[in-house]
Amino acid sequence: MSSDESILEVVFRYAKMKYTPEKICVLLGLTKKQTTELLIRFEDPDDPIRIKYEQGKAISDYRMDKALEKAGARGNPLAISELSTRQYHRMIDELKKELFNI
């Protein structure tokens, strides 16, 4: 692996595209040992890799929600429905994390 700083930027970029940690490792062309080491870092909530990954996913969600909100404001009923569905699923995911840590 190259420097931590460049890995963080790559993780952030791929997280914005909603790639899983496993897929990110494949795209980075890591060895088995490097993949294992990086996947362990993805599991640690205090690790910069995990933090950057979560930031990338959050930005992606925000941008999609913002685009759907704009389309809904222009009268697109599918956008309104999709945004509502996304908000519902996000609420369920947050409750599962809060209650069951999953």
N, C-alpha and C. Protein backbone atom coordinates (compact mmCIF):
# COMPACT_ATOMS: atom_id res chain seq x y z
N MET A 1 0.84 -1.18 0.00
CA MET A 1 0.00 0.00 0.00
C MET A 1 0.88 1.24 0.00
N SER A 2 0.36 2.29 -0.59
CA SER A 2 1.10 3.55 -0.57
C SER A 2 0.77 4.30 0.72
N SER A 3 1.12 5.55 0.76
CA SER A 3 0.97 6.32 2.00
C SER A 3 -0.47 6.33 2.50
N ASP A 4 -0.60 6.49 3.80
CA ASP A 4 -1.92 6.52 4.44
C ASP A 4 -2.79 7.63 3.85
N GLU A 5 -2.17 8.78 3.57
CA GLU A 5 -2.92 9.92 3.04
C GLU A 5 -3.55 9.60 1.69
N SER A 6 -2.81 8.95 0.81
CA SER A 6 -3.38 8.62 -0.50
C SER A 6 -4.43 7.51 -0.38
N ILE A 7 -4.23 6.58 0.54
CA ILE A 7 -5.23 5.53 0.78
C ILE A 7 -6.52 6.16 1.29
N LEU A 8 -6.40 7.14 2.18
CA LEU A 8 -7.59 7.82 2.71
C LEU A 8 -8.38 8.48 1.59
N GLU A 9 -7.70 9.12 0.67
CA GLU A 9 -8.40 9.78 -0.43
C GLU A 9 -9.08 8.78 -1.35
N VAL A 10 -8.42 7.65 -1.61
CA VAL A 10 -9.02 6.61 -2.45
C VAL A 10 -10.23 5.99 -1.75
N VAL A 11 -10.10 5.72 -0.47
CA VAL A 11 -11.22 5.16 0.31
C VAL A 11 -12.40 6.13 0.27
N PHE A 12 -12.12 7.41 0.46
CA PHE A 12 -13.17 8.43 0.43
C PHE A 12 -13.87 8.45 -0.94
N ARG A 13 -13.09 8.43 -2.00
CA ARG A 13 -13.64 8.47 -3.36
C ARG A 13 -14.52 7.25 -3.62
N TYR A 14 -14.04 6.06 -3.28
CA TYR A 14 -14.82 4.84 -3.51
C TYR A 14 -16.03 4.75 -2.59
N ALA A 15 -15.92 5.26 -1.38
CA ALA A 15 -17.07 5.26 -0.46
C ALA A 15 -18.19 6.13 -1.01
N LYS A 16 -17.82 7.24 -1.68
CA LYS A 16 -18.84 8.10 -2.29
C LYS A 16 -19.60 7.35 -3.38
N MET A 17 -18.97 6.34 -3.96
CA MET A 17 -19.63 5.53 -4.99
C MET A 17 -20.32 4.31 -4.39
N LYS A 18 -20.33 4.25 -3.04
CA LYS A 18 -21.02 3.19 -2.30
C LYS A 18 -20.36 1.82 -2.45
N TYR A 19 -19.07 1.78 -2.71
CA TYR A 19 -18.37 0.51 -2.78
C TYR A 19 -18.15 -0.03 -1.38
N THR A 20 -18.21 -1.34 -1.24
CA THR A 20 -17.96 -1.98 0.05
C THR A 20 -16.47 -1.96 0.36
N PRO A 21 -16.10 -2.12 1.63
CA PRO A 21 -14.68 -2.21 1.95
C PRO A 21 -13.97 -3.33 1.18
N GLU A 22 -14.65 -4.46 1.01
CA GLU A 22 -14.04 -5.58 0.28
C GLU A 22 -13.76 -5.20 -1.17
N LYS A 23 -14.71 -4.51 -1.80
CA LYS A 23 -14.52 -4.10 -3.19
C LYS A 23 -13.40 -3.06 -3.29
N ILE A 24 -13.31 -2.19 -2.33
CA ILE A 24 -12.24 -1.20 -2.32
C ILE A 24 -10.88 -1.89 -2.28
N CYS A 25 -10.76 -2.93 -1.46
CA CYS A 25 -9.50 -3.69 -1.38
C CYS A 25 -9.16 -4.32 -2.73
N VAL A 26 -10.17 -4.86 -3.41
CA VAL A 26 -9.95 -5.47 -4.73
C VAL A 26 -9.48 -4.40 -5.71
N LEU A 27 -10.14 -3.26 -5.72
CA LEU A 27 -9.78 -2.19 -6.64
C LEU A 27 -8.38 -1.63 -6.37
N LEU A 28 -7.96 -1.69 -5.12
CA LEU A 28 -6.61 -1.25 -4.76
C LEU A 28 -5.55 -2.28 -5.14
N GLY A 29 -5.98 -3.50 -5.48
CA GLY A 29 -5.04 -4.54 -5.86
C GLY A 29 -4.18 -5.02 -4.71
N LEU A 30 -4.77 -5.11 -3.53
CA LEU A 30 -4.02 -5.49 -2.34
C LEU A 30 -3.77 -6.99 -2.27
N THR A 31 -2.71 -7.36 -1.60
CA THR A 31 -2.44 -8.76 -1.32
C THR A 31 -3.43 -9.23 -0.25
N LYS A 32 -3.47 -10.54 -0.01
CA LYS A 32 -4.36 -11.06 1.04
C LYS A 32 -4.03 -10.45 2.40
N LYS A 33 -2.74 -10.37 2.70
CA LYS A 33 -2.32 -9.82 3.98
C LYS A 33 -2.73 -8.35 4.08
N GLN A 34 -2.49 -7.57 3.03
CA GLN A 34 -2.85 -6.16 3.04
C GLN A 34 -4.37 -5.98 3.14
N THR A 35 -5.12 -6.84 2.45
CA THR A 35 -6.58 -6.79 2.50
C THR A 35 -7.06 -7.03 3.92
N THR A 36 -6.52 -8.05 4.56
CA THR A 36 -6.90 -8.35 5.94
C THR A 36 -6.61 -7.17 6.86
N GLU A 37 -5.42 -6.59 6.70
CA GLU A 37 -5.04 -5.45 7.54
C GLU A 37 -5.99 -4.26 7.33
N LEU A 38 -6.32 -3.99 6.06
CA LEU A 38 -7.19 -2.85 5.78
C LEU A 38 -8.63 -3.11 6.25
N LEU A 39 -9.11 -4.33 6.08
CA LEU A 39 -10.46 -4.65 6.53
C LEU A 39 -10.59 -4.52 8.05
N ILE A 40 -9.53 -4.85 8.76
CA ILE A 40 -9.53 -4.67 10.22
C ILE A 40 -9.65 -3.18 10.55
N ARG A 41 -8.97 -2.35 9.77
CA ARG A 41 -9.04 -0.90 10.00
C ARG A 41 -10.44 -0.36 9.71
N PHE A 42 -11.13 -0.94 8.72
CA PHE A 42 -12.50 -0.53 8.42
C PHE A 42 -13.44 -0.82 9.59
N GLU A 43 -13.11 -1.81 10.40
CA GLU A 43 -13.96 -2.20 11.53
C GLU A 43 -13.78 -1.31 12.75
N ASP A 44 -12.65 -0.63 12.85
CA ASP A 44 -12.35 0.20 14.03
C ASP A 44 -12.97 1.58 13.85
N PRO A 45 -13.98 1.93 14.66
CA PRO A 45 -14.67 3.21 14.49
C PRO A 45 -13.78 4.45 14.69
N ASP A 46 -12.63 4.28 15.32
CA ASP A 46 -11.72 5.41 15.55
C ASP A 46 -10.60 5.51 14.52
N ASP A 47 -10.53 4.55 13.61
CA ASP A 47 -9.46 4.55 12.62
C ASP A 47 -9.77 5.57 11.52
N PRO A 48 -8.77 6.32 11.07
CA PRO A 48 -8.99 7.30 9.99
C PRO A 48 -9.59 6.69 8.72
N ILE A 49 -9.26 5.44 8.43
CA ILE A 49 -9.83 4.76 7.25
C ILE A 49 -11.34 4.65 7.40
N ARG A 50 -11.79 4.19 8.55
CA ARG A 50 -13.23 4.03 8.81
C ARG A 50 -13.93 5.38 8.79
N ILE A 51 -13.31 6.38 9.39
CA ILE A 51 -13.89 7.71 9.44
C ILE A 51 -14.05 8.27 8.03
N LYS A 52 -13.02 8.15 7.21
CA LYS A 52 -13.07 8.65 5.83
C LYS A 52 -14.12 7.89 5.03
N TYR A 53 -14.24 6.58 5.26
CA TYR A 53 -15.23 5.75 4.58
C TYR A 53 -16.65 6.22 4.93
N GLU A 54 -16.90 6.45 6.20
CA GLU A 54 -18.21 6.91 6.64
C GLU A 54 -18.52 8.30 6.09
N GLN A 55 -17.52 9.17 6.03
CA GLN A 55 -17.71 10.50 5.46
C GLN A 55 -18.08 10.41 3.98
N GLY A 56 -17.40 9.55 3.24
CA GLY A 56 -17.71 9.39 1.82
C GLY A 56 -19.12 8.89 1.60
N LYS A 57 -19.54 7.91 2.39
CA LYS A 57 -20.91 7.40 2.26
C LYS A 57 -21.93 8.48 2.61
N ALA A 58 -21.65 9.25 3.65
CA ALA A 58 -22.58 10.30 4.08
C ALA A 58 -22.72 11.39 3.01
N ILE A 59 -21.62 11.78 2.41
CA ILE A 59 -21.67 12.79 1.35
C ILE A 59 -22.47 12.28 0.16
N SER A 60 -22.28 11.03 -0.17
CA SER A 60 -23.04 10.44 -1.28
C SER A 60 -24.54 10.46 -0.99
N ASP A 61 -24.90 10.08 0.23
CA ASP A 61 -26.32 10.11 0.62
C ASP A 61 -26.87 11.53 0.56
N TYR A 62 -26.10 12.47 1.07
CA TYR A 62 -26.54 13.86 1.08
C TYR A 62 -26.79 14.37 -0.36
N ARG A 63 -25.85 14.09 -1.24
CA ARG A 63 -25.98 14.57 -2.63
C ARG A 63 -27.20 13.95 -3.31
N MET A 64 -27.43 12.67 -3.07
CA MET A 64 -28.59 12.02 -3.68
C MET A 64 -29.88 12.59 -3.12
N ASP A 65 -29.94 12.75 -1.81
CA ASP A 65 -31.14 13.32 -1.18
C ASP A 65 -31.40 14.74 -1.68
N LYS A 66 -30.34 15.52 -1.82
CA LYS A 66 -30.48 16.89 -2.30
C LYS A 66 -31.02 16.91 -3.74
N ALA A 67 -30.50 16.04 -4.58
CA ALA A 67 -30.98 15.96 -5.97
C ALA A 67 -32.44 15.52 -6.01
N LEU A 68 -32.80 14.55 -5.20
CA LEU A 68 -34.19 14.10 -5.15
C LEU A 68 -35.11 15.20 -4.63
N GLU A 69 -34.63 15.94 -3.64
CA GLU A 69 -35.44 17.03 -3.08
C GLU A 69 -35.69 18.10 -4.15
N LYS A 70 -34.66 18.44 -4.91
CA LYS A 70 -34.82 19.43 -5.98
C LYS A 70 -35.79 18.94 -7.05
N ALA A 71 -35.65 17.68 -7.44
CA ALA A 71 -36.55 17.11 -8.44
C ALA A 71 -37.98 17.07 -7.90
N GLY A 72 -38.13 16.75 -6.64
CA GLY A 72 -39.46 16.74 -6.02
C GLY A 72 -40.07 18.13 -5.99
N ALA A 73 -39.25 19.14 -5.72
CA ALA A 73 -39.74 20.51 -5.69
C ALA A 73 -40.21 20.97 -7.07
N ARG A 74 -39.64 20.36 -8.10
CA ARG A 74 -40.08 20.67 -9.47
C ARG A 74 -41.30 19.86 -9.87
N GLY A 75 -41.79 19.03 -8.94
CA GLY A 75 -43.03 18.30 -9.18
C GLY A 75 -42.87 16.86 -9.63
N ASN A 76 -41.68 16.30 -9.52
CA ASN A 76 -41.45 14.91 -9.91
C ASN A 76 -41.94 13.98 -8.80
N PRO A 77 -43.06 13.28 -9.01
CA PRO A 77 -43.60 12.43 -7.94
C PRO A 77 -42.70 11.24 -7.60
N LEU A 78 -41.97 10.73 -8.57
CA LEU A 78 -41.06 9.61 -8.30
C LEU A 78 -39.92 10.04 -7.38
N ALA A 79 -39.44 11.25 -7.57
CA ALA A 79 -38.37 11.77 -6.71
C ALA A 79 -38.87 11.93 -5.27
N ILE A 80 -40.08 12.43 -5.11
CA ILE A 80 -40.66 12.59 -3.78
C ILE A 80 -40.79 11.23 -3.10
N SER A 81 -41.27 10.26 -3.84
CA SER A 81 -41.44 8.91 -3.29
C SER A 81 -40.09 8.28 -2.93
N GLU A 82 -39.12 8.43 -3.82
CA GLU A 82 -37.80 7.85 -3.56
C GLU A 82 -37.14 8.50 -2.35
N LEU A 83 -37.25 9.81 -2.22
CA LEU A 83 -36.67 10.50 -1.07
C LEU A 83 -37.33 10.01 0.22
N SER A 84 -38.64 9.86 0.19
CA SER A 84 -39.36 9.37 1.36
C SER A 84 -38.91 7.95 1.73
N THR A 85 -38.74 7.11 0.73
CA THR A 85 -38.27 5.74 0.96
C THR A 85 -36.87 5.74 1.55
N ARG A 86 -35.99 6.57 1.02
CA ARG A 86 -34.61 6.66 1.53
C ARG A 86 -34.60 7.12 2.98
N GLN A 87 -35.44 8.10 3.30
CA GLN A 87 -35.50 8.60 4.67
C GLN A 87 -36.01 7.52 5.63
N TYR A 88 -36.99 6.77 5.19
CA TYR A 88 -37.53 5.68 6.00
C TYR A 88 -36.45 4.63 6.27
N HIS A 89 -35.75 4.21 5.22
CA HIS A 89 -34.70 3.19 5.39
C HIS A 89 -33.56 3.71 6.26
N ARG A 90 -33.23 4.97 6.13
CA ARG A 90 -32.19 5.55 6.96
C ARG A 90 -32.59 5.52 8.43
N MET A 91 -33.86 5.84 8.70
CA MET A 91 -34.35 5.81 10.07
C MET A 91 -34.27 4.40 10.64
N ILE A 92 -34.67 3.40 9.86
CA ILE A 92 -34.59 2.00 10.29
C ILE A 92 -33.14 1.60 10.57
N ASP A 93 -32.24 1.97 9.66
CA ASP A 93 -30.82 1.65 9.84
C ASP A 93 -30.26 2.29 11.11
N GLU A 94 -30.63 3.54 11.36
CA GLU A 94 -30.15 4.22 12.56
C GLU A 94 -30.69 3.58 13.83
N LEU A 95 -31.95 3.16 13.80
CA LEU A 95 -32.52 2.47 14.96
C LEU A 95 -31.83 1.13 15.21
N LYS A 96 -31.57 0.37 14.13
CA LYS A 96 -30.87 -0.92 14.29
C LYS A 96 -29.49 -0.70 14.89
N LYS A 97 -28.82 0.34 14.44
CA LYS A 97 -27.48 0.61 14.97
C LYS A 97 -27.56 1.00 16.44
N GLU A 98 -28.52 1.86 16.77
CA GLU A 98 -28.67 2.33 18.14
C GLU A 98 -29.07 1.20 19.09
N LEU A 99 -30.04 0.39 18.66
CA LEU A 99 -30.58 -0.65 19.54
C LEU A 99 -29.75 -1.92 19.57
N PHE A 100 -29.21 -2.31 18.43
CA PHE A 100 -28.56 -3.61 18.32
C PHE A 100 -27.10 -3.54 17.88
N ASN A 101 -26.62 -2.33 17.61
CA ASN A 101 -25.24 -2.13 17.17
C ASN A 101 -24.92 -2.91 15.90
N ILE A 102 -25.90 -2.95 14.99
CA ILE A 102 -25.67 -3.63 13.70
C ILE A 102 -25.92 -2.69 12.55
